[in-house]
C-alpha atoms as a PDB file:
ATOM      1  CA  UNK A   1      -4.121 -26.958  -3.952  1.00  0.00           C
ATOM      2  CA  UNK A   2      -5.841 -29.674  -2.165  1.00  0.00           C
ATOM      3  CA  UNK A   3      -7.646 -29.590   1.592  1.00  0.00           C
ATOM      4  CA  UNK A   4      -7.053 -32.661   3.032  1.00  0.00           C
ATOM      5  CA  UNK A   5      -9.947 -33.598   5.483  1.00  0.00           C
ATOM      6  CA  UNK A   6      -9.122 -37.888   6.404  1.00  0.00           C
ATOM      7  CA  UNK A   7     -12.328 -39.388   7.795  1.00  0.00           C
ATOM      8  CA  UNK A   8     -10.205 -40.794  10.894  1.00  0.00           C
ATOM      9  CA  UNK A   9      -9.712 -37.555  12.531  1.00  0.00           C
ATOM     10  CA  UNK A  10     -12.851 -35.119  13.822  1.00  0.00           C
ATOM     11  CA  UNK A  11     -13.859 -32.618  11.425  1.00  0.00           C
ATOM     12  CA  UNK A  12     -12.681 -29.082  12.312  1.00  0.00           C
ATOM     13  CA  UNK A  13     -14.061 -26.961  14.476  1.00  0.00           C
ATOM     14  CA  UNK A  14     -14.492 -23.693  12.485  1.00  0.00           C
ATOM     15  CA  UNK A  15     -13.815 -22.443   9.227  1.00  0.00           C
ATOM     16  CA  UNK A  16     -10.360 -23.568   8.275  1.00  0.00           C
ATOM     17  CA  UNK A  17      -9.229 -27.118   6.767  1.00  0.00           C
ATOM     18  CA  UNK A  18      -7.272 -30.000   8.599  1.00  0.00           C
ATOM     19  CA  UNK A  19      -4.119 -29.943   6.676  1.00  0.00           C
ATOM     20  CA  UNK A  20      -3.744 -28.431   2.727  1.00  0.00           C
ATOM     21  CA  UNK A  21      -1.595 -30.139   0.088  1.00  0.00           C
ATOM     22  CA  UNK A  22       0.544 -27.913  -2.230  1.00  0.00           C
ATOM     23  CA  UNK A  23       1.951 -29.088  -5.328  1.00  0.00           C
ATOM     24  CA  UNK A  24       5.670 -28.528  -6.193  1.00  0.00           C
ATOM     25  CA  UNK A  25       6.771 -25.785  -8.622  1.00  0.00           C
ATOM     26  CA  UNK A  26       4.612 -23.041  -6.622  1.00  0.00           C
ATOM     27  CA  UNK A  27       6.139 -20.204  -5.451  1.00  0.00           C
ATOM     28  CA  UNK A  28       5.791 -19.128  -1.362  1.00  0.00           C
ATOM     29  CA  UNK A  29       5.372 -16.390   0.939  1.00  0.00           C
ATOM     30  CA  UNK A  30       5.998 -16.845   4.598  1.00  0.00           C
ATOM     31  CA  UNK A  31       4.597 -13.337   6.183  1.00  0.00           C
ATOM     32  CA  UNK A  32       5.953 -12.277   9.560  1.00  0.00           C
ATOM     33  CA  UNK A  33       3.712 -11.730  12.241  1.00  0.00           C
ATOM     34  CA  UNK A  34       1.176  -9.027  11.901  1.00  0.00           C
ATOM     35  CA  UNK A  35      -0.123  -6.477  14.531  1.00  0.00           C
ATOM     36  CA  UNK A  36      -3.094  -4.642  14.180  1.00  0.00           C
ATOM     37  CA  UNK A  37      -1.317  -1.304  13.691  1.00  0.00           C
ATOM     38  CA  UNK A  38      -1.709   1.293  10.105  1.00  0.00           C
ATOM     39  CA  UNK A  39       0.394   2.374   8.349  1.00  0.00           C
ATOM     40  CA  UNK A  40      -0.210   5.819  10.031  1.00  0.00           C
ATOM     41  CA  UNK A  41       0.403   3.894  13.267  1.00  0.00           C
ATOM     42  CA  UNK A  42      -2.824   3.909  14.392  1.00  0.00           C
ATOM     43  CA  UNK A  43      -4.005   1.070  16.296  1.00  0.00           C
ATOM     44  CA  UNK A  44      -7.981   0.283  16.854  1.00  0.00           C
ATOM     45  CA  UNK A  45      -9.230  -1.232  19.869  1.00  0.00           C
ATOM     46  CA  UNK A  46     -10.679  -4.118  20.782  1.00  0.00           C
ATOM     47  CA  UNK A  47      -9.618  -7.899  19.269  1.00  0.00           C
ATOM     48  CA  UNK A  48     -12.109  -7.991  16.206  1.00  0.00           C
ATOM     49  CA  UNK A  49     -10.844  -4.309  14.920  1.00  0.00           C
ATOM     50  CA  UNK A  50      -7.024  -5.098  15.779  1.00  0.00           C
ATOM     51  CA  UNK A  51      -7.568  -8.862  13.436  1.00  0.00           C
ATOM     52  CA  UNK A  52      -9.524  -7.126  10.530  1.00  0.00           C
ATOM     53  CA  UNK A  53      -6.428  -4.676  10.386  1.00  0.00           C
ATOM     54  CA  UNK A  54      -3.907  -7.593  11.011  1.00  0.00           C
ATOM     55  CA  UNK A  55      -5.667  -9.149   8.005  1.00  0.00           C
ATOM     56  CA  UNK A  56      -5.582  -6.545   5.879  1.00  0.00           C
ATOM     57  CA  UNK A  57      -1.649  -6.062   6.634  1.00  0.00           C
ATOM     58  CA  UNK A  58      -1.298  -9.683   5.750  1.00  0.00           C
ATOM     59  CA  UNK A  59      -2.986  -9.106   1.925  1.00  0.00           C
ATOM     60  CA  UNK A  60      -0.964  -6.092   1.337  1.00  0.00           C
ATOM     61  CA  UNK A  61       2.120  -8.529   1.481  1.00  0.00           C
ATOM     62  CA  UNK A  62       0.328 -11.076  -0.721  1.00  0.00           C
ATOM     63  CA  UNK A  63      -0.700  -8.622  -3.140  1.00  0.00           C
ATOM     64  CA  UNK A  64       2.804  -6.993  -3.348  1.00  0.00           C
ATOM     65  CA  UNK A  65       3.434 -11.171  -3.995  1.00  0.00           C
ATOM     66  CA  UNK A  66       0.711 -11.044  -6.750  1.00  0.00           C
ATOM     67  CA  UNK A  67      -1.318 -13.108  -4.354  1.00  0.00           C
ATOM     68  CA  UNK A  68      -4.491 -12.685  -2.444  1.00  0.00           C
ATOM     69  CA  UNK A  69      -6.592 -15.228   0.507  1.00  0.00           C
ATOM     70  CA  UNK A  70      -7.139 -17.555  -1.970  1.00  0.00           C
ATOM     71  CA  UNK A  71      -3.565 -18.728  -2.421  1.00  0.00           C
ATOM     72  CA  UNK A  72      -3.117 -18.606   1.419  1.00  0.00           C
ATOM     73  CA  UNK A  73      -2.226 -22.431   2.786  1.00  0.00           C
ATOM     74  CA  UNK A  74      -2.037 -22.140   6.775  1.00  0.00           C
ATOM     75  CA  UNK A  75      -3.338 -19.200   9.089  1.00  0.00           C
ATOM     76  CA  UNK A  76      -1.021 -19.070  12.298  1.00  0.00           C
ATOM     77  CA  UNK A  77      -2.917 -16.309  14.688  1.00  0.00           C
ATOM     78  CA  UNK A  78      -2.186 -15.092  18.558  1.00  0.00           C
ATOM     79  CA  UNK A  79      -4.692 -13.845  20.721  1.00  0.00           C
ATOM     80  CA  UNK A  80      -3.607 -12.032  24.497  1.00  0.00           C
ATOM     81  CA  UNK A  81      -7.345 -13.777  25.804  1.00  0.00           C
ATOM     82  CA  UNK A  82      -9.813 -16.220  25.141  1.00  0.00           C
ATOM     83  CA  UNK A  83     -11.838 -13.088  25.206  1.00  0.00           C
ATOM     84  CA  UNK A  84     -10.375 -12.589  22.283  1.00  0.00           C
ATOM     85  CA  UNK A  85     -10.778 -15.764  20.268  1.00  0.00           C
ATOM     86  CA  UNK A  86     -14.481 -14.808  19.312  1.00  0.00           C
ATOM     87  CA  UNK A  87     -13.448 -11.157  17.345  1.00  0.00           C
ATOM     88  CA  UNK A  88     -10.080 -13.224  16.069  1.00  0.00           C
ATOM     89  CA  UNK A  89     -12.046 -15.826  14.710  1.00  0.00           C
ATOM     90  CA  UNK A  90     -14.623 -13.531  13.167  1.00  0.00           C
ATOM     91  CA  UNK A  91     -13.230 -11.834  11.640  1.00  0.00           C
ATOM     92  CA  UNK A  92     -10.503 -14.657   9.995  1.00  0.00           C
ATOM     93  CA  UNK A  93     -13.724 -15.857   8.617  1.00  0.00           C
ATOM     94  CA  UNK A  94     -14.858 -12.819   6.895  1.00  0.00           C
ATOM     95  CA  UNK A  95     -11.458 -12.672   5.218  1.00  0.00           C
ATOM     96  CA  UNK A  96     -11.871 -16.106   4.473  1.00  0.00           C
ATOM     97  CA  UNK A  97     -15.487 -15.832   3.232  1.00  0.00           C
ATOM     98  CA  UNK A  98     -16.430 -17.006  -0.342  1.00  0.00           C
ATOM     99  CA  UNK A  99     -13.470 -19.169  -0.511  1.00  0.00           C
ATOM    100  CA  UNK A 100     -13.837 -22.951  -2.288  1.00  0.00           C
ATOM    101  CA  UNK A 101     -11.103 -24.028   0.065  1.00  0.00           C
ATOM    102  CA  UNK A 102      -9.809 -22.969   3.307  1.00  0.00           C
ATOM    103  CA  UNK A 103      -6.297 -22.677   4.967  1.00  0.00           C
ATOM    104  CA  UNK A 104      -5.072 -24.827   7.345  1.00  0.00           C
ATOM    105  CA  UNK A 105      -5.186 -22.778  10.984  1.00  0.00           C
ATOM    106  CA  UNK A 106      -3.875 -22.466  14.698  1.00  0.00           C
ATOM    107  CA  UNK A 107      -4.874 -20.009  17.087  1.00  0.00           C
ATOM    108  CA  UNK A 108      -2.678 -20.021  20.202  1.00  0.00           C
ATOM    109  CA  UNK A 109      -3.571 -17.815  23.342  1.00  0.00           C
ATOM    110  CA  UNK A 110      -0.269 -16.050  24.398  1.00  0.00           C
ATOM    111  CA  UNK A 111       1.371 -13.621  27.304  1.00  0.00           C
ATOM    112  CA  UNK A 112       1.505 -10.567  25.667  1.00  0.00           C
ATOM    113  CA  UNK A 113       3.392  -9.153  23.431  1.00  0.00           C
ATOM    114  CA  UNK A 114       5.635  -6.168  22.937  1.00  0.00           C
ATOM    115  CA  UNK A 115       3.035  -3.743  23.776  1.00  0.00           C
ATOM    116  CA  UNK A 116       0.232  -4.531  26.117  1.00  0.00           C
ATOM    117  CA  UNK A 117      -2.633  -2.909  23.953  1.00  0.00           C
ATOM    118  CA  UNK A 118      -1.942  -5.179  21.105  1.00  0.00           C
ATOM    119  CA  UNK A 119      -3.931  -8.620  21.437  1.00  0.00           C
ATOM    120  CA  UNK A 120      -4.129 -10.342  18.191  1.00  0.00           C
ATOM    121  CA  UNK A 121      -1.276 -11.009  15.735  1.00  0.00           C
ATOM    122  CA  UNK A 122      -1.442 -13.113  12.497  1.00  0.00           C
ATOM    123  CA  UNK A 123       0.735 -14.695   9.993  1.00  0.00           C
ATOM    124  CA  UNK A 124       0.333 -16.570   7.037  1.00  0.00           C
ATOM    125  CA  UNK A 125       1.673 -18.956   4.609  1.00  0.00           C
ATOM    126  CA  UNK A 126       1.068 -18.746   0.993  1.00  0.00           C
ATOM    127  CA  UNK A 127       1.333 -20.221  -2.455  1.00  0.00           C
ATOM    128  CA  UNK A 128       0.376 -19.589  -5.909  1.00  0.00           C
ATOM    129  CA  UNK A 129       2.116 -19.977  -9.408  1.00  0.00           C
END
């Protein structure tokens, strides 16, 4: 896969690629949106802690297909308030730390999720041989 960074466009605001080219013949995995709920149904407090759990859930789904963060092509994330952006971005940057190619990424502020205590939701798309 190859990160796309055309010089005619402003560079990314944070740790993500403007686009990612995926060669033909790779397997794809698309996760559903993952909330910050652990397997024991616990929900940590705060956007950062919930985002950590969201990424752990995504990692478990990817692992089921023999993939990991390095295979992620795109991240779509949703937070319920601008105040939660920093916590989410910190968790995302930690999850992607050390990767040589970053995925494309979108972050959207939404009015809410199914329960008011949910602050963050993350979905990823990945590709690998």
